[in-house]
Amino acid sequence: MSTLGYILLFTFLGSIGSLIGGFILLAYEKLAFKMSHLLASFAAGVLLATAFFDLLPEAVDEADVSDANVFLWTFIGIVLFFLLERFIHWFHHHEDSLDHKERSKTTVPLIVIGDTVHNFMDGIVIAATFTVSIPLGMVTTFAVAVHEIPQEIGDFGLLLHKGVSRRKVVLINVFSAFSAFLGAILTFMLGDILKGYIPLFLAVTAGFFIYIASSDLIPEIHHEKRKGFAVIESLLLIIGALVIFISVSLLEPGH
C-alpha cells in the first residue's frame, strides 16, 4: 500500500474515535459519561507514552539540529496549546454575562469550530507521522483515536445540553470528523515542502499530547473521590502507557 493509502486508511480509523464517542453518547448517555471518565485515564497514559517513547525519540532521530532544539519546540507546543485553550476559555468567560439563550447561541458554534479545528490538526499529525514511518503513524493514530472518544462524549453531551437535536449532533460529528481528511491530504500534498520541518511537527505534536494529558485528563483522575474508582483510573493510566511502550518496542525495535 502507498503512503497516501496508509494515511487515508488510518485517518479514517482515527476519525472513528470521534464518531464512536458521539454515537455511544446518543445511545447510552449514562454509560457514555461513566466510560468517558475511565477512557480519559487510559488516554492520558497513551498520550504521555506516545510523546516520550515515540514522537520525541523520532524527532531527535530526524533532526539535523541539537536535541535542545527538539525539546524547545516541544515546550513551544505546550505553551501554544495552553494559549489556545486560554483563548477559548476567554470566550466562555465572556458568555457568563449573557442570558441563557444568548449564551447558547455563542457556545454551540464555539464547540463546533473548536472540535473541527482539533480534528483537522489530528489529520495533520497522522499524515506527518506516516511520512516519517508506517509504525510511527500507526502508534500516533491509536493515540489520536483513544483520546478522541472521551473528548467527543464531553463536547457533544454539551451540545445536547444546549438544545441541539440528536440529528444535528450526528451531522456535526460526521462533518467535524471529515475535517481530519482535509488536514491529512493537505499535509501529504505539501510533503516535499514540509519535509525539513518534520522534527518540528513531531516535537510540537509531543507538546500537544503532553499538554492534553497533563492539563485536561490527569486532573480528572485527581478529582475522583472514591478510592476503588481512583485506583482503577490510576491502573488504566499505567496500562495505557504500557500498551504504547510495548507497541513501540515491537513495531520500532530501534527505539
C-alpha atoms as a PDB file:
ATOM      1  CA  MET A   1       0.000   0.000   0.000  1.00  0.00           C
ATOM      2  CA  SER A   2       1.219   3.511  -0.810  1.00  0.00           C
ATOM      3  CA  THR A   3       1.939   6.110   1.883  1.00  0.00           C
ATOM      4  CA  LEU A   4      -1.181   8.026   0.815  1.00  0.00           C
ATOM      5  CA  GLY A   5      -3.216   4.835   1.157  1.00  0.00           C
ATOM      6  CA  TYR A   6      -1.960   4.333   4.708  1.00  0.00           C
ATOM      7  CA  ILE A   7      -2.668   7.973   5.543  1.00  0.00           C
ATOM      8  CA  LEU A   8      -6.256   7.828   4.273  1.00  0.00           C
ATOM      9  CA  LEU A   9      -6.962   4.451   5.900  1.00  0.00           C
ATOM     10  CA  PHE A  10      -5.599   5.411   9.310  1.00  0.00           C
ATOM     11  CA  THR A  11      -7.109   8.890   9.200  1.00  0.00           C
ATOM     12  CA  PHE A  12     -10.434   7.100   8.749  1.00  0.00           C
ATOM     13  CA  LEU A  13      -9.645   4.772  11.666  1.00  0.00           C
ATOM     14  CA  GLY A  14      -8.597   7.735  13.814  1.00  0.00           C
ATOM     15  CA  SER A  15     -11.810   9.558  12.937  1.00  0.00           C
ATOM     16  CA  ILE A  16     -13.828   6.566  14.099  1.00  0.00           C
ATOM     17  CA  GLY A  17     -12.845   7.574  17.652  1.00  0.00           C
ATOM     18  CA  SER A  18     -14.716  10.827  17.109  1.00  0.00           C
ATOM     19  CA  LEU A  19     -17.773   9.071  15.696  1.00  0.00           C
ATOM     20  CA  ILE A  20     -17.816   6.353  18.366  1.00  0.00           C
ATOM     21  CA  GLY A  21     -17.854   8.940  21.144  1.00  0.00           C
ATOM     22  CA  GLY A  22     -20.867  10.709  19.668  1.00  0.00           C
ATOM     23  CA  PHE A  23     -22.862   7.562  18.882  1.00  0.00           C
ATOM     24  CA  ILE A  24     -22.271   5.986  22.306  1.00  0.00           C
ATOM     25  CA  LEU A  25     -23.481   9.202  23.910  1.00  0.00           C
ATOM     26  CA  LEU A  26     -26.657   9.206  21.829  1.00  0.00           C
ATOM     27  CA  ALA A  27     -27.437   5.541  22.544  1.00  0.00           C
ATOM     28  CA  TYR A  28     -26.349   5.196  26.190  1.00  0.00           C
ATOM     29  CA  GLU A  29     -25.900   8.604  27.783  1.00  0.00           C
ATOM     30  CA  LYS A  30     -25.239   7.491  31.379  1.00  0.00           C
ATOM     31  CA  LEU A  31     -22.886   4.681  30.320  1.00  0.00           C
ATOM     32  CA  ALA A  32     -21.103   7.059  27.951  1.00  0.00           C
ATOM     33  CA  PHE A  33     -20.167   9.529  30.660  1.00  0.00           C
ATOM     34  CA  LYS A  34     -19.008   6.750  33.002  1.00  0.00           C
ATOM     35  CA  MET A  35     -16.957   5.142  30.221  1.00  0.00           C
ATOM     36  CA  SER A  36     -15.601   8.562  29.245  1.00  0.00           C
ATOM     37  CA  HIS A  37     -14.121   9.016  32.727  1.00  0.00           C
ATOM     38  CA  LEU A  38     -12.304   5.671  32.565  1.00  0.00           C
ATOM     39  CA  LEU A  39     -11.178   6.168  28.963  1.00  0.00           C
ATOM     40  CA  ALA A  40      -9.738   9.566  29.890  1.00  0.00           C
ATOM     41  CA  SER A  41      -7.365   7.811  32.327  1.00  0.00           C
ATOM     42  CA  PHE A  42      -6.308   5.257  29.716  1.00  0.00           C
ATOM     43  CA  ALA A  43      -5.897   8.036  27.129  1.00  0.00           C
ATOM     44  CA  ALA A  44      -3.665  10.052  29.474  1.00  0.00           C
ATOM     45  CA  GLY A  45      -1.213   7.137  29.683  1.00  0.00           C
ATOM     46  CA  VAL A  46      -1.382   6.587  25.925  1.00  0.00           C
ATOM     47  CA  LEU A  47      -0.696  10.253  25.108  1.00  0.00           C
ATOM     48  CA  LEU A  48       2.197  10.619  27.557  1.00  0.00           C
ATOM     49  CA  ALA A  49       3.834   7.381  26.411  1.00  0.00           C
ATOM     50  CA  THR A  50       3.389   8.267  22.729  1.00  0.00           C
ATOM     51  CA  ALA A  51       5.048  11.632  23.339  1.00  0.00           C
ATOM     52  CA  PHE A  52       8.020  10.309  25.354  1.00  0.00           C
ATOM     53  CA  PHE A  53       8.568   6.834  23.865  1.00  0.00           C
ATOM     54  CA  ASP A  54       7.779   7.511  20.201  1.00  0.00           C
ATOM     55  CA  LEU A  55       7.394  11.107  18.989  1.00  0.00           C
ATOM     56  CA  LEU A  56      10.327  12.704  20.823  1.00  0.00           C
ATOM     57  CA  PRO A  57      12.860   9.916  20.050  1.00  0.00           C
ATOM     58  CA  GLU A  58      11.745  10.040  16.397  1.00  0.00           C
ATOM     59  CA  ALA A  59      12.061  13.846  16.334  1.00  0.00           C
ATOM     60  CA  VAL A  60      15.614  13.595  17.704  1.00  0.00           C
ATOM     61  CA  ASP A  61      16.499  10.926  15.104  1.00  0.00           C
ATOM     62  CA  GLU A  62      15.075  13.014  12.251  1.00  0.00           C
ATOM     63  CA  ALA A  63      16.578  16.321  13.380  1.00  0.00           C
ATOM     64  CA  ASP A  64      19.755  17.762  11.882  1.00  0.00           C
ATOM     65  CA  VAL A  65      19.977  20.075  14.868  1.00  0.00           C
ATOM     66  CA  SER A  66      20.721  19.553  18.553  1.00  0.00           C
ATOM     67  CA  ASP A  67      18.340  17.751  20.898  1.00  0.00           C
ATOM     68  CA  ALA A  68      17.821  21.043  22.727  1.00  0.00           C
ATOM     69  CA  ASN A  69      16.017  22.469  19.688  1.00  0.00           C
ATOM     70  CA  VAL A  70      13.654  19.496  19.586  1.00  0.00           C
ATOM     71  CA  PHE A  71      12.745  19.998  23.233  1.00  0.00           C
ATOM     72  CA  LEU A  72      12.457  23.749  22.679  1.00  0.00           C
ATOM     73  CA  TRP A  73       9.744  23.082  20.097  1.00  0.00           C
ATOM     74  CA  THR A  74       8.082  20.637  22.485  1.00  0.00           C
ATOM     75  CA  PHE A  75       7.947  23.428  25.053  1.00  0.00           C
ATOM     76  CA  ILE A  76       6.593  25.810  22.398  1.00  0.00           C
ATOM     77  CA  GLY A  77       3.904  23.220  21.570  1.00  0.00           C
ATOM     78  CA  ILE A  78       2.805  23.056  25.211  1.00  0.00           C
ATOM     79  CA  VAL A  79       2.668  26.862  25.508  1.00  0.00           C
ATOM     80  CA  LEU A  80       0.910  27.208  22.149  1.00  0.00           C
ATOM     81  CA  PHE A  81      -1.927  24.884  23.140  1.00  0.00           C
ATOM     82  CA  PHE A  82      -2.132  26.482  26.574  1.00  0.00           C
ATOM     83  CA  LEU A  83      -2.668  29.878  24.922  1.00  0.00           C
ATOM     84  CA  LEU A  84      -5.210  28.387  22.513  1.00  0.00           C
ATOM     85  CA  GLU A  85      -7.186  26.923  25.408  1.00  0.00           C
ATOM     86  CA  ARG A  86      -6.983  30.203  27.332  1.00  0.00           C
ATOM     87  CA  PHE A  87      -8.405  31.952  24.267  1.00  0.00           C
ATOM     88  CA  ILE A  88     -11.341  29.516  24.212  1.00  0.00           C
ATOM     89  CA  HIS A  89     -11.880  29.962  27.967  1.00  0.00           C
ATOM     90  CA  TRP A  90     -11.956  33.719  27.440  1.00  0.00           C
ATOM     91  CA  PHE A  91     -14.975  33.260  25.176  1.00  0.00           C
ATOM     92  CA  HIS A  92     -16.695  31.120  27.798  1.00  0.00           C
ATOM     93  CA  HIS A  93     -15.974  33.753  30.450  1.00  0.00           C
ATOM     94  CA  HIS A  94     -17.443  36.404  28.145  1.00  0.00           C
ATOM     95  CA  GLU A  95     -20.616  34.306  27.843  1.00  0.00           C
ATOM     96  CA  ASP A  96     -21.227  34.407  31.614  1.00  0.00           C
ATOM     97  CA  SER A  97     -22.567  37.955  31.262  1.00  0.00           C
ATOM     98  CA  LEU A  98     -25.189  36.834  28.696  1.00  0.00           C
ATOM     99  CA  ASP A  99     -28.608  35.304  29.319  1.00  0.00           C
ATOM    100  CA  HIS A 100     -29.117  31.573  28.720  1.00  0.00           C
ATOM    101  CA  LYS A 101     -30.475  31.954  25.175  1.00  0.00           C
ATOM    102  CA  GLU A 102     -27.665  34.243  24.004  1.00  0.00           C
ATOM    103  CA  ARG A 103     -25.061  32.079  25.759  1.00  0.00           C
ATOM    104  CA  SER A 104     -26.257  29.013  23.839  1.00  0.00           C
ATOM    105  CA  LYS A 105     -26.003  30.909  20.549  1.00  0.00           C
ATOM    106  CA  THR A 106     -22.315  31.611  21.158  1.00  0.00           C
ATOM    107  CA  THR A 107     -21.355  28.340  22.854  1.00  0.00           C
ATOM    108  CA  VAL A 108     -22.611  25.954  20.145  1.00  0.00           C
ATOM    109  CA  PRO A 109     -20.599  27.484  17.257  1.00  0.00           C
ATOM    110  CA  LEU A 110     -17.539  27.638  19.514  1.00  0.00           C
ATOM    111  CA  ILE A 111     -17.797  23.908  20.316  1.00  0.00           C
ATOM    112  CA  VAL A 112     -18.274  23.028  16.635  1.00  0.00           C
ATOM    113  CA  ILE A 113     -15.385  25.229  15.446  1.00  0.00           C
ATOM    114  CA  GLY A 114     -13.075  24.025  18.222  1.00  0.00           C
ATOM    115  CA  ASP A 115     -13.844  20.368  17.507  1.00  0.00           C
ATOM    116  CA  THR A 116     -13.422  20.823  13.744  1.00  0.00           C
ATOM    117  CA  VAL A 117     -10.046  22.531  14.169  1.00  0.00           C
ATOM    118  CA  HIS A 118      -8.987  19.804  16.608  1.00  0.00           C
ATOM    119  CA  ASN A 119      -9.853  17.057  14.098  1.00  0.00           C
ATOM    120  CA  PHE A 120      -8.125  18.995  11.300  1.00  0.00           C
ATOM    121  CA  MET A 121      -4.966  19.021  13.425  1.00  0.00           C
ATOM    122  CA  ASP A 122      -5.371  15.296  14.115  1.00  0.00           C
ATOM    123  CA  GLY A 123      -5.299  14.731  10.355  1.00  0.00           C
ATOM    124  CA  ILE A 124      -2.105  16.793  10.049  1.00  0.00           C
ATOM    125  CA  VAL A 125      -0.475  14.820  12.875  1.00  0.00           C
ATOM    126  CA  ILE A 126      -1.418  11.434  11.381  1.00  0.00           C
ATOM    127  CA  ALA A 127      -0.193  12.348   7.887  1.00  0.00           C
ATOM    128  CA  ALA A 128       3.042  13.926   9.156  1.00  0.00           C
ATOM    129  CA  THR A 129       3.957  10.854  11.214  1.00  0.00           C
ATOM    130  CA  PHE A 130       3.223   8.460   8.350  1.00  0.00           C
ATOM    131  CA  THR A 131       5.651  10.398   6.136  1.00  0.00           C
ATOM    132  CA  VAL A 132       8.345   9.511   8.694  1.00  0.00           C
ATOM    133  CA  SER A 133       7.479   5.824   9.102  1.00  0.00           C
ATOM    134  CA  ILE A 134       4.482   3.494   8.920  1.00  0.00           C
ATOM    135  CA  PRO A 135       4.884   2.199  12.532  1.00  0.00           C
ATOM    136  CA  LEU A 136       5.102   5.759  13.913  1.00  0.00           C
ATOM    137  CA  GLY A 137       1.919   6.655  12.039  1.00  0.00           C
ATOM    138  CA  MET A 138       0.109   3.601  13.416  1.00  0.00           C
ATOM    139  CA  VAL A 139       1.029   4.327  17.045  1.00  0.00           C
ATOM    140  CA  THR A 140       0.118   8.013  16.670  1.00  0.00           C
ATOM    141  CA  THR A 141      -3.231   7.138  15.098  1.00  0.00           C
ATOM    142  CA  PHE A 142      -4.031   4.887  18.058  1.00  0.00           C
ATOM    143  CA  ALA A 143      -3.229   7.748  20.461  1.00  0.00           C
ATOM    144  CA  VAL A 144      -5.435  10.115  18.441  1.00  0.00           C
ATOM    145  CA  ALA A 145      -8.374   7.674  18.354  1.00  0.00           C
ATOM    146  CA  VAL A 146      -8.227   6.863  22.082  1.00  0.00           C
ATOM    147  CA  HIS A 147      -8.243  10.474  23.264  1.00  0.00           C
ATOM    148  CA  GLU A 148     -10.964  11.447  20.767  1.00  0.00           C
ATOM    149  CA  ILE A 149     -13.629   9.210  22.355  1.00  0.00           C
ATOM    150  CA  PRO A 150     -13.849  10.862  25.812  1.00  0.00           C
ATOM    151  CA  GLN A 151     -13.397  14.312  24.272  1.00  0.00           C
ATOM    152  CA  GLU A 152     -16.288  13.820  21.844  1.00  0.00           C
ATOM    153  CA  ILE A 153     -18.552  12.451  24.575  1.00  0.00           C
ATOM    154  CA  GLY A 154     -17.952  15.634  26.564  1.00  0.00           C
ATOM    155  CA  ASP A 155     -18.314  18.009  23.592  1.00  0.00           C
ATOM    156  CA  PHE A 156     -21.466  16.501  22.178  1.00  0.00           C
ATOM    157  CA  GLY A 157     -23.003  15.974  25.592  1.00  0.00           C
ATOM    158  CA  LEU A 158     -22.675  19.740  25.970  1.00  0.00           C
ATOM    159  CA  LEU A 159     -24.331  20.268  22.562  1.00  0.00           C
ATOM    160  CA  LEU A 160     -27.312  18.162  23.650  1.00  0.00           C
ATOM    161  CA  HIS A 161     -27.470  20.149  26.882  1.00  0.00           C
ATOM    162  CA  LYS A 162     -27.579  23.357  24.818  1.00  0.00           C
ATOM    163  CA  GLY A 163     -30.660  22.096  22.963  1.00  0.00           C
ATOM    164  CA  VAL A 164     -29.117  20.823  19.725  1.00  0.00           C
ATOM    165  CA  SER A 165     -31.193  17.973  18.248  1.00  0.00           C
ATOM    166  CA  ARG A 166     -29.772  14.442  18.100  1.00  0.00           C
ATOM    167  CA  ARG A 167     -29.903  14.506  14.278  1.00  0.00           C
ATOM    168  CA  LYS A 168     -27.834  17.700  14.193  1.00  0.00           C
ATOM    169  CA  VAL A 169     -25.369  16.244  16.696  1.00  0.00           C
ATOM    170  CA  VAL A 170     -24.766  13.292  14.330  1.00  0.00           C
ATOM    171  CA  LEU A 171     -24.333  15.606  11.317  1.00  0.00           C
ATOM    172  CA  ILE A 172     -21.937  17.848  13.247  1.00  0.00           C
ATOM    173  CA  ASN A 173     -19.998  14.782  14.378  1.00  0.00           C
ATOM    174  CA  VAL A 174     -19.597  13.492  10.795  1.00  0.00           C
ATOM    175  CA  PHE A 175     -18.677  16.941   9.411  1.00  0.00           C
ATOM    176  CA  SER A 176     -16.150  17.520  12.179  1.00  0.00           C
ATOM    177  CA  ALA A 177     -14.541  14.089  11.653  1.00  0.00           C
ATOM    178  CA  PHE A 178     -14.286  14.771   7.895  1.00  0.00           C
ATOM    179  CA  SER A 179     -12.006  17.758   8.580  1.00  0.00           C
ATOM    180  CA  ALA A 180      -9.289  15.268   9.608  1.00  0.00           C
ATOM    181  CA  PHE A 181      -9.118  14.064   5.989  1.00  0.00           C
ATOM    182  CA  LEU A 182      -8.660  17.634   4.787  1.00  0.00           C
ATOM    183  CA  GLY A 183      -5.743  18.131   7.180  1.00  0.00           C
ATOM    184  CA  ALA A 184      -4.183  14.787   6.196  1.00  0.00           C
ATOM    185  CA  ILE A 185      -4.473  15.354   2.428  1.00  0.00           C
ATOM    186  CA  LEU A 186      -3.096  18.906   2.614  1.00  0.00           C
ATOM    187  CA  THR A 187      -0.142  17.667   4.676  1.00  0.00           C
ATOM    188  CA  PHE A 188       0.568  14.871   2.188  1.00  0.00           C
ATOM    189  CA  MET A 189       0.364  17.278  -0.789  1.00  0.00           C
ATOM    190  CA  LEU A 190       2.776  19.669   0.920  1.00  0.00           C
ATOM    191  CA  GLY A 191       5.060  16.785   1.897  1.00  0.00           C
ATOM    192  CA  ASP A 192       8.143  17.964  -0.038  1.00  0.00           C
ATOM    193  CA  ILE A 193       7.806  21.489   1.357  1.00  0.00           C
ATOM    194  CA  LEU A 194       7.263  20.270   4.919  1.00  0.00           C
ATOM    195  CA  LYS A 195       9.884  17.512   4.878  1.00  0.00           C
ATOM    196  CA  GLY A 196      12.585  19.639   6.516  1.00  0.00           C
ATOM    197  CA  TYR A 197      10.154  20.630   9.257  1.00  0.00           C
ATOM    198  CA  ILE A 198       9.131  17.086  10.234  1.00  0.00           C
ATOM    199  CA  PRO A 199      11.175  17.122  13.500  1.00  0.00           C
ATOM    200  CA  LEU A 200       9.446  20.395  14.412  1.00  0.00           C
ATOM    201  CA  PHE A 201       5.985  18.877  13.742  1.00  0.00           C
ATOM    202  CA  LEU A 202       6.826  15.792  15.800  1.00  0.00           C
ATOM    203  CA  ALA A 203       8.102  17.910  18.704  1.00  0.00           C
ATOM    204  CA  VAL A 204       5.075  20.227  18.663  1.00  0.00           C
ATOM    205  CA  THR A 205       2.775  17.192  18.493  1.00  0.00           C
ATOM    206  CA  ALA A 206       4.568  15.713  21.524  1.00  0.00           C
ATOM    207  CA  GLY A 207       3.955  19.009  23.330  1.00  0.00           C
ATOM    208  CA  PHE A 208       0.289  18.841  22.283  1.00  0.00           C
ATOM    209  CA  PHE A 209      -0.088  15.306  23.683  1.00  0.00           C
ATOM    210  CA  ILE A 210       1.737  16.185  26.930  1.00  0.00           C
ATOM    211  CA  TYR A 211      -0.441  19.255  27.424  1.00  0.00           C
ATOM    212  CA  ILE A 212      -3.739  17.390  26.849  1.00  0.00           C
ATOM    213  CA  ALA A 213      -2.739  14.587  29.219  1.00  0.00           C
ATOM    214  CA  SER A 214      -1.393  16.888  31.944  1.00  0.00           C
ATOM    215  CA  SER A 215      -3.929  19.711  31.887  1.00  0.00           C
ATOM    216  CA  ASP A 216      -7.178  18.045  30.792  1.00  0.00           C
ATOM    217  CA  LEU A 217      -7.065  14.308  31.521  1.00  0.00           C
ATOM    218  CA  ILE A 218      -4.917  13.784  34.644  1.00  0.00           C
ATOM    219  CA  PRO A 219      -6.813  16.423  36.699  1.00  0.00           C
ATOM    220  CA  GLU A 220      -9.948  14.336  36.086  1.00  0.00           C
ATOM    221  CA  ILE A 221      -8.254  11.417  37.862  1.00  0.00           C
ATOM    222  CA  HIS A 222      -7.366  13.600  40.856  1.00  0.00           C
ATOM    223  CA  HIS A 223     -10.980  14.779  41.172  1.00  0.00           C
ATOM    224  CA  GLU A 224     -12.212  11.232  41.792  1.00  0.00           C
ATOM    225  CA  LYS A 225     -13.026  10.808  45.500  1.00  0.00           C
ATOM    226  CA  ARG A 226     -13.960   7.107  45.618  1.00  0.00           C
ATOM    227  CA  LYS A 227     -10.855   5.064  46.491  1.00  0.00           C
ATOM    228  CA  GLY A 228     -11.699   1.990  44.438  1.00  0.00           C
ATOM    229  CA  PHE A 229     -12.551   4.010  41.350  1.00  0.00           C
ATOM    230  CA  ALA A 230      -9.420   6.166  41.751  1.00  0.00           C
ATOM    231  CA  VAL A 231      -7.262   3.008  41.898  1.00  0.00           C
ATOM    232  CA  ILE A 232      -8.860   1.711  38.676  1.00  0.00           C
ATOM    233  CA  GLU A 233      -8.227   5.045  36.933  1.00  0.00           C
ATOM    234  CA  SER A 234      -4.590   5.046  38.057  1.00  0.00           C
ATOM    235  CA  LEU A 235      -4.117   1.491  36.793  1.00  0.00           C
ATOM    236  CA  LEU A 236      -5.696   2.406  33.453  1.00  0.00           C
ATOM    237  CA  LEU A 237      -3.205   5.263  33.017  1.00  0.00           C
ATOM    238  CA  ILE A 238      -0.309   2.850  33.628  1.00  0.00           C
ATOM    239  CA  ILE A 239      -1.855   0.243  31.298  1.00  0.00           C
ATOM    240  CA  GLY A 240      -2.260   2.882  28.578  1.00  0.00           C
ATOM    241  CA  ALA A 241       1.429   3.783  28.875  1.00  0.00           C
ATOM    242  CA  LEU A 242       2.471   0.097  28.830  1.00  0.00           C
ATOM    243  CA  VAL A 243       0.399  -0.575  25.698  1.00  0.00           C
ATOM    244  CA  ILE A 244       2.306   2.156  23.835  1.00  0.00           C
ATOM    245  CA  PHE A 245       5.700   1.120  25.265  1.00  0.00           C
ATOM    246  CA  ILE A 246       5.174  -2.480  24.135  1.00  0.00           C
ATOM    247  CA  SER A 247       3.775  -1.391  20.753  1.00  0.00           C
ATOM    248  CA  VAL A 248       6.764   0.873  20.077  1.00  0.00           C
ATOM    249  CA  SER A 249       9.175  -1.869  21.172  1.00  0.00           C
ATOM    250  CA  LEU A 250       7.591  -4.353  18.758  1.00  0.00           C
ATOM    251  CA  LEU A 251       7.000  -2.007  15.816  1.00  0.00           C
ATOM    252  CA  GLU A 252      10.184   0.050  16.107  1.00  0.00           C
ATOM    253  CA  PRO A 253      12.831  -2.068  17.867  1.00  0.00           C
ATOM    254  CA  GLY A 254      15.439   0.673  17.367  1.00  0.00           C
ATOM    255  CA  HIS A 255      13.647   2.879  19.896  1.00  0.00           C
END
